Amino acid sequence: MTQFLFLLIDVLIAIAFIAAPWVILAKLNFQWPDWLKDGIVGVICFVIWTGFALYFATQTILWLGFLP
């Protein structure tokens, strides 16, 4: 049962690291530059940030000791 609980906690940590910056950026109310409005730039930024976020989430999970 603890392994399942650790899995849920790990998934929530990973989702928080991935989604938090995008939620914060979506709340900002200013005019974005035209080159940022292009969809491919957003996809590239999202993929790069997801890689960093998964690394940070992995390090956080190891640091907190949420391992079975």
PDB file of N, CA and C in Angstrom:
ATOM      1  N   MET A   1       0.822  -1.195   0.000  1.00  0.00           N
ATOM      2  CA  MET A   1       0.000   0.000   0.000  1.00  0.00           C
ATOM      3  C   MET A   1       0.866   1.258   0.000  1.00  0.00           C
ATOM      4  N   THR A   2       2.003   1.215   0.704  1.00  0.00           N
ATOM      5  CA  THR A   2       2.843   2.399   0.743  1.00  0.00           C
ATOM      6  C   THR A   2       3.462   2.698  -0.620  1.00  0.00           C
ATOM      7  N   GLN A   3       3.717   1.652  -1.416  1.00  0.00           N
ATOM      8  CA  GLN A   3       4.272   1.888  -2.748  1.00  0.00           C
ATOM      9  C   GLN A   3       3.286   2.664  -3.615  1.00  0.00           C
ATOM     10  N   PHE A   4       2.000   2.341  -3.506  1.00  0.00           N
ATOM     11  CA  PHE A   4       0.979   3.061  -4.265  1.00  0.00           C
ATOM     12  C   PHE A   4       0.879   4.504  -3.782  1.00  0.00           C
ATOM     13  N   LEU A   5       0.959   4.713  -2.481  1.00  0.00           N
ATOM     14  CA  LEU A   5       0.922   6.064  -1.931  1.00  0.00           C
ATOM     15  C   LEU A   5       2.127   6.874  -2.401  1.00  0.00           C
ATOM     16  N   PHE A   6       3.308   6.241  -2.386  1.00  0.00           N
ATOM     17  CA  PHE A   6       4.502   6.921  -2.884  1.00  0.00           C
ATOM     18  C   PHE A   6       4.366   7.257  -4.366  1.00  0.00           C
ATOM     19  N   LEU A   7       3.766   6.362  -5.148  1.00  0.00           N
ATOM     20  CA  LEU A   7       3.554   6.628  -6.572  1.00  0.00           C
ATOM     21  C   LEU A   7       2.648   7.838  -6.763  1.00  0.00           C
ATOM     22  N   LEU A   8       1.570   7.924  -6.008  1.00  0.00           N
ATOM     23  CA  LEU A   8       0.669   9.075  -6.113  1.00  0.00           C
ATOM     24  C   LEU A   8       1.379  10.375  -5.736  1.00  0.00           C
ATOM     25  N   ILE A   9       2.151  10.342  -4.670  1.00  0.00           N
ATOM     26  CA  ILE A   9       2.890  11.532  -4.256  1.00  0.00           C
ATOM     27  C   ILE A   9       3.905  11.924  -5.326  1.00  0.00           C
ATOM     28  N   ASP A  10       4.594  10.942  -5.891  1.00  0.00           N
ATOM     29  CA  ASP A  10       5.578  11.221  -6.938  1.00  0.00           C
ATOM     30  C   ASP A  10       4.929  11.847  -8.169  1.00  0.00           C
ATOM     31  N   VAL A  11       3.777  11.345  -8.562  1.00  0.00           N
ATOM     32  CA  VAL A  11       3.076  11.901  -9.725  1.00  0.00           C
ATOM     33  C   VAL A  11       2.619  13.326  -9.438  1.00  0.00           C
ATOM     34  N   LEU A  12       2.125  13.579  -8.252  1.00  0.00           N
ATOM     35  CA  LEU A  12       1.691  14.939  -7.901  1.00  0.00           C
ATOM     36  C   LEU A  12       2.868  15.914  -7.883  1.00  0.00           C
ATOM     37  N   ILE A  13       4.013  15.469  -7.383  1.00  0.00           N
ATOM     38  CA  ILE A  13       5.202  16.330  -7.394  1.00  0.00           C
ATOM     39  C   ILE A  13       5.623  16.639  -8.827  1.00  0.00           C
ATOM     40  N   ALA A  14       5.623  15.630  -9.692  1.00  0.00           N
ATOM     41  CA  ALA A  14       6.014  15.850 -11.091  1.00  0.00           C
ATOM     42  C   ALA A  14       5.047  16.789 -11.793  1.00  0.00           C
ATOM     43  N   ILE A  15       3.750  16.607 -11.579  1.00  0.00           N
ATOM     44  CA  ILE A  15       2.760  17.494 -12.203  1.00  0.00           C
ATOM     45  C   ILE A  15       2.914  18.922 -11.693  1.00  0.00           C
ATOM     46  N   ALA A  16       3.192  19.068 -10.406  1.00  0.00           N
ATOM     47  CA  ALA A  16       3.376  20.413  -9.850  1.00  0.00           C
ATOM     48  C   ALA A  16       4.577  21.111 -10.472  1.00  0.00           C
ATOM     49  N   PHE A  17       5.675  20.387 -10.643  1.00  0.00           N
ATOM     50  CA  PHE A  17       6.863  20.992 -11.251  1.00  0.00           C
ATOM     51  C   PHE A  17       6.616  21.350 -12.713  1.00  0.00           C
ATOM     52  N   ILE A  18       5.846  20.539 -13.417  1.00  0.00           N
ATOM     53  CA  ILE A  18       5.600  20.808 -14.832  1.00  0.00           C
ATOM     54  C   ILE A  18       4.598  21.948 -15.012  1.00  0.00           C
ATOM     55  N   ALA A  19       3.527  21.950 -14.236  1.00  0.00           N
ATOM     56  CA  ALA A  19       2.416  22.874 -14.479  1.00  0.00           C
ATOM     57  C   ALA A  19       2.564  24.230 -13.803  1.00  0.00           C
ATOM     58  N   ALA A  20       3.267  24.312 -12.698  1.00  0.00           N
ATOM     59  CA  ALA A  20       3.308  25.557 -11.923  1.00  0.00           C
ATOM     60  C   ALA A  20       3.767  26.776 -12.735  1.00  0.00           C
ATOM     61  N   PRO A  21       4.864  26.715 -13.462  1.00  0.00           N
ATOM     62  CA  PRO A  21       5.269  27.913 -14.215  1.00  0.00           C
ATOM     63  C   PRO A  21       4.263  28.322 -15.285  1.00  0.00           C
ATOM     64  N   TRP A  22       3.615  27.328 -15.914  1.00  0.00           N
ATOM     65  CA  TRP A  22       2.653  27.652 -16.960  1.00  0.00           C
ATOM     66  C   TRP A  22       1.405  28.294 -16.369  1.00  0.00           C
ATOM     67  N   VAL A  23       1.016  27.880 -15.185  1.00  0.00           N
ATOM     68  CA  VAL A  23      -0.131  28.497 -14.515  1.00  0.00           C
ATOM     69  C   VAL A  23       0.204  29.934 -14.138  1.00  0.00           C
ATOM     70  N   ILE A  24       1.402  30.138 -13.622  1.00  0.00           N
ATOM     71  CA  ILE A  24       1.825  31.501 -13.248  1.00  0.00           C
ATOM     72  C   ILE A  24       1.893  32.400 -14.478  1.00  0.00           C
ATOM     73  N   LEU A  25       2.469  31.897 -15.574  1.00  0.00           N
ATOM     74  CA  LEU A  25       2.559  32.703 -16.795  1.00  0.00           C
ATOM     75  C   LEU A  25       1.187  33.006 -17.378  1.00  0.00           C
ATOM     76  N   ALA A  26       0.241  32.080 -17.241  1.00  0.00           N
ATOM     77  CA  ALA A  26      -1.106  32.310 -17.768  1.00  0.00           C
ATOM     78  C   ALA A  26      -1.837  33.392 -16.985  1.00  0.00           C
ATOM     79  N   LYS A  27      -1.484  33.567 -15.711  1.00  0.00           N
ATOM     80  CA  LYS A  27      -2.141  34.578 -14.879  1.00  0.00           C
ATOM     81  C   LYS A  27      -1.617  35.989 -15.139  1.00  0.00           C
ATOM     82  N   LEU A  28      -0.435  36.099 -15.753  1.00  0.00           N
ATOM     83  CA  LEU A  28       0.120  37.416 -16.038  1.00  0.00           C
ATOM     84  C   LEU A  28      -0.714  38.100 -17.109  1.00  0.00           C
ATOM     85  N   ASN A  29      -1.002  39.348 -16.873  1.00  0.00           N
ATOM     86  CA  ASN A  29      -1.885  40.078 -17.779  1.00  0.00           C
ATOM     87  C   ASN A  29      -1.094  41.165 -18.514  1.00  0.00           C
ATOM     88  N   PHE A  30      -0.363  40.765 -19.529  1.00  0.00           N
ATOM     89  CA  PHE A  30       0.341  41.742 -20.369  1.00  0.00           C
ATOM     90  C   PHE A  30       0.397  41.212 -21.792  1.00  0.00           C
ATOM     91  N   GLN A  31       0.752  42.075 -22.701  1.00  0.00           N
ATOM     92  CA  GLN A  31       0.782  41.738 -24.119  1.00  0.00           C
ATOM     93  C   GLN A  31       2.024  40.919 -24.435  1.00  0.00           C
ATOM     94  N   TRP A  32       1.835  39.703 -24.931  1.00  0.00           N
ATOM     95  CA  TRP A  32       2.945  38.852 -25.299  1.00  0.00           C
ATOM     96  C   TRP A  32       3.504  39.288 -26.652  1.00  0.00           C
ATOM     97  N   PRO A  33       4.813  39.165 -26.879  1.00  0.00           N
ATOM     98  CA  PRO A  33       5.380  39.490 -28.186  1.00  0.00           C
ATOM     99  C   PRO A  33       4.823  38.554 -29.266  1.00  0.00           C
ATOM    100  N   ASP A  34       4.839  39.018 -30.496  1.00  0.00           N
ATOM    101  CA  ASP A  34       4.276  38.236 -31.596  1.00  0.00           C
ATOM    102  C   ASP A  34       4.991  36.905 -31.795  1.00  0.00           C
ATOM    103  N   TRP A  35       6.313  36.863 -31.593  1.00  0.00           N
ATOM    104  CA  TRP A  35       7.034  35.617 -31.821  1.00  0.00           C
ATOM    105  C   TRP A  35       6.702  34.567 -30.770  1.00  0.00           C
ATOM    106  N   LEU A  36       6.200  34.996 -29.601  1.00  0.00           N
ATOM    107  CA  LEU A  36       5.790  34.030 -28.574  1.00  0.00           C
ATOM    108  C   LEU A  36       4.383  33.503 -28.819  1.00  0.00           C
ATOM    109  N   LYS A  37       3.617  34.188 -29.635  1.00  0.00           N
ATOM    110  CA  LYS A  37       2.253  33.738 -29.913  1.00  0.00           C
ATOM    111  C   LYS A  37       2.228  32.571 -30.897  1.00  0.00           C
ATOM    112  N   ASP A  38       3.339  32.342 -31.568  1.00  0.00           N
ATOM    113  CA  ASP A  38       3.426  31.225 -32.502  1.00  0.00           C
ATOM    114  C   ASP A  38       3.392  29.920 -31.720  1.00  0.00           C
ATOM    115  N   GLY A  39       2.652  28.948 -32.198  1.00  0.00           N
ATOM    116  CA  GLY A  39       2.461  27.704 -31.472  1.00  0.00           C
ATOM    117  C   GLY A  39       3.709  26.877 -31.305  1.00  0.00           C
ATOM    118  N   ILE A  40       4.597  26.889 -32.298  1.00  0.00           N
ATOM    119  CA  ILE A  40       5.787  26.042 -32.242  1.00  0.00           C
ATOM    120  C   ILE A  40       6.737  26.516 -31.150  1.00  0.00           C
ATOM    121  N   VAL A  41       6.802  27.817 -30.919  1.00  0.00           N
ATOM    122  CA  VAL A  41       7.663  28.340 -29.857  1.00  0.00           C
ATOM    123  C   VAL A  41       7.158  27.846 -28.500  1.00  0.00           C
ATOM    124  N   GLY A  42       5.856  27.857 -28.317  1.00  0.00           N
ATOM    125  CA  GLY A  42       5.272  27.354 -27.069  1.00  0.00           C
ATOM    126  C   GLY A  42       5.538  25.878 -26.862  1.00  0.00           C
ATOM    127  N   VAL A  43       5.449  25.109 -27.927  1.00  0.00           N
ATOM    128  CA  VAL A  43       5.703  23.668 -27.828  1.00  0.00           C
ATOM    129  C   VAL A  43       7.171  23.412 -27.473  1.00  0.00           C
ATOM    130  N   ILE A  44       8.069  24.126 -28.116  1.00  0.00           N
ATOM    131  CA  ILE A  44       9.491  23.955 -27.821  1.00  0.00           C
ATOM    132  C   ILE A  44       9.784  24.324 -26.362  1.00  0.00           C
ATOM    133  N   CYS A  45       9.232  25.436 -25.902  1.00  0.00           N
ATOM    134  CA  CYS A  45       9.424  25.845 -24.500  1.00  0.00           C
ATOM    135  C   CYS A  45       8.841  24.816 -23.543  1.00  0.00           C
ATOM    136  N   PHE A  46       7.670  24.300 -23.865  1.00  0.00           N
ATOM    137  CA  PHE A  46       7.035  23.316 -22.998  1.00  0.00           C
ATOM    138  C   PHE A  46       7.865  22.039 -22.910  1.00  0.00           C
ATOM    139  N   VAL A  47       8.381  21.566 -24.029  1.00  0.00           N
ATOM    140  CA  VAL A  47       9.176  20.338 -24.028  1.00  0.00           C
ATOM    141  C   VAL A  47      10.472  20.530 -23.242  1.00  0.00           C
ATOM    142  N   ILE A  48      11.140  21.665 -23.440  1.00  0.00           N
ATOM    143  CA  ILE A  48      12.376  21.928 -22.703  1.00  0.00           C
ATOM    144  C   ILE A  48      12.090  22.030 -21.209  1.00  0.00           C
ATOM    145  N   TRP A  49      11.042  22.785 -20.840  1.00  0.00           N
ATOM    146  CA  TRP A  49      10.727  22.924 -19.423  1.00  0.00           C
ATOM    147  C   TRP A  49      10.312  21.583 -18.811  1.00  0.00           C
ATOM    148  N   THR A  50       9.610  20.750 -19.554  1.00  0.00           N
ATOM    149  CA  THR A  50       9.201  19.449 -19.026  1.00  0.00           C
ATOM    150  C   THR A  50      10.417  18.602 -18.691  1.00  0.00           C
ATOM    151  N   GLY A  51      11.440  18.647 -19.513  1.00  0.00           N
ATOM    152  CA  GLY A  51      12.674  17.920 -19.208  1.00  0.00           C
ATOM    153  C   GLY A  51      13.312  18.405 -17.919  1.00  0.00           C
ATOM    154  N   PHE A  52      13.441  19.725 -17.764  1.00  0.00           N
ATOM    155  CA  PHE A  52      13.984  20.267 -16.521  1.00  0.00           C
ATOM    156  C   PHE A  52      13.098  19.922 -15.329  1.00  0.00           C
ATOM    157  N   ALA A  53      11.789  20.049 -15.500  1.00  0.00           N
ATOM    158  CA  ALA A  53      10.864  19.801 -14.401  1.00  0.00           C
ATOM    159  C   ALA A  53      10.908  18.353 -13.942  1.00  0.00           C
ATOM    160  N   LEU A  54      11.012  17.419 -14.875  1.00  0.00           N
ATOM    161  CA  LEU A  54      11.110  16.013 -14.476  1.00  0.00           C
ATOM    162  C   LEU A  54      12.406  15.737 -13.732  1.00  0.00           C
ATOM    163  N   TYR A  55      13.481  16.386 -14.137  1.00  0.00           N
ATOM    164  CA  TYR A  55      14.734  16.244 -13.400  1.00  0.00           C
ATOM    165  C   TYR A  55      14.591  16.799 -11.983  1.00  0.00           C
ATOM    166  N   PHE A  56      14.027  18.010 -11.862  1.00  0.00           N
ATOM    167  CA  PHE A  56      13.834  18.614 -10.543  1.00  0.00           C
ATOM    168  C   PHE A  56      12.888  17.782  -9.682  1.00  0.00           C
ATOM    169  N   ALA A  57      11.842  17.239 -10.284  1.00  0.00           N
ATOM    170  CA  ALA A  57      10.910  16.393  -9.546  1.00  0.00           C
ATOM    171  C   ALA A  57      11.605  15.127  -9.059  1.00  0.00           C
ATOM    172  N   THR A  58      12.435  14.526  -9.896  1.00  0.00           N
ATOM    173  CA  THR A  58      13.173  13.325  -9.505  1.00  0.00           C
ATOM    174  C   THR A  58      14.101  13.620  -8.334  1.00  0.00           C
ATOM    175  N   GLN A  59      14.806  14.734  -8.404  1.00  0.00           N
ATOM    176  CA  GLN A  59      15.707  15.095  -7.315  1.00  0.00           C
ATOM    177  C   GLN A  59      14.941  15.380  -6.024  1.00  0.00           C
ATOM    178  N   THR A  60      13.779  16.011  -6.135  1.00  0.00           N
ATOM    179  CA  THR A  60      12.958  16.275  -4.961  1.00  0.00           C
ATOM    180  C   THR A  60      12.449  14.990  -4.339  1.00  0.00           C
ATOM    181  N   ILE A  61      12.016  14.065  -5.170  1.00  0.00           N
ATOM    182  CA  ILE A  61      11.516  12.784  -4.677  1.00  0.00           C
ATOM    183  C   ILE A  61      12.637  12.016  -3.978  1.00  0.00           C
ATOM    184  N   LEU A  62      13.831  12.020  -4.548  1.00  0.00           N
ATOM    185  CA  LEU A  62      14.964  11.356  -3.902  1.00  0.00           C
ATOM    186  C   LEU A  62      15.324  12.037  -2.593  1.00  0.00           C
ATOM    187  N   TRP A  63      15.296  13.350  -2.579  1.00  0.00           N
ATOM    188  CA  TRP A  63      15.634  14.118  -1.377  1.00  0.00           C
ATOM    189  C   TRP A  63      14.629  13.859  -0.251  1.00  0.00           C
ATOM    190  N   LEU A  64      13.343  13.774  -0.608  1.00  0.00           N
ATOM    191  CA  LEU A  64      12.303  13.527   0.396  1.00  0.00           C
ATOM    192  C   LEU A  64      12.232  12.069   0.819  1.00  0.00           C
ATOM    193  N   GLY A  65      12.809  11.180   0.027  1.00  0.00           N
ATOM    194  CA  GLY A  65      12.837   9.776   0.387  1.00  0.00           C
ATOM    195  C   GLY A  65      11.542   9.025   0.080  1.00  0.00           C
ATOM    196  N   PHE A  66      10.788   9.477  -0.901  1.00  0.00           N
ATOM    197  CA  PHE A  66       9.546   8.793  -1.284  1.00  0.00           C
ATOM    198  C   PHE A  66       9.851   7.644  -2.242  1.00  0.00           C
ATOM    199  N   LEU A  67      10.625   6.704  -1.775  1.00  0.00           N
ATOM    200  CA  LEU A  67      10.978   5.539  -2.559  1.00  0.00           C
ATOM    201  C   LEU A  67      10.499   4.292  -1.837  1.00  0.00           C
ATOM    202  N   PRO A  68      10.035   3.307  -2.570  1.00  0.00           N
ATOM    203  CA  PRO A  68       9.568   2.070  -1.905  1.00  0.00           C
ATOM    204  C   PRO A  68      10.730   1.260  -1.355  1.00  0.00           C
TER     205      PRO A  68
END
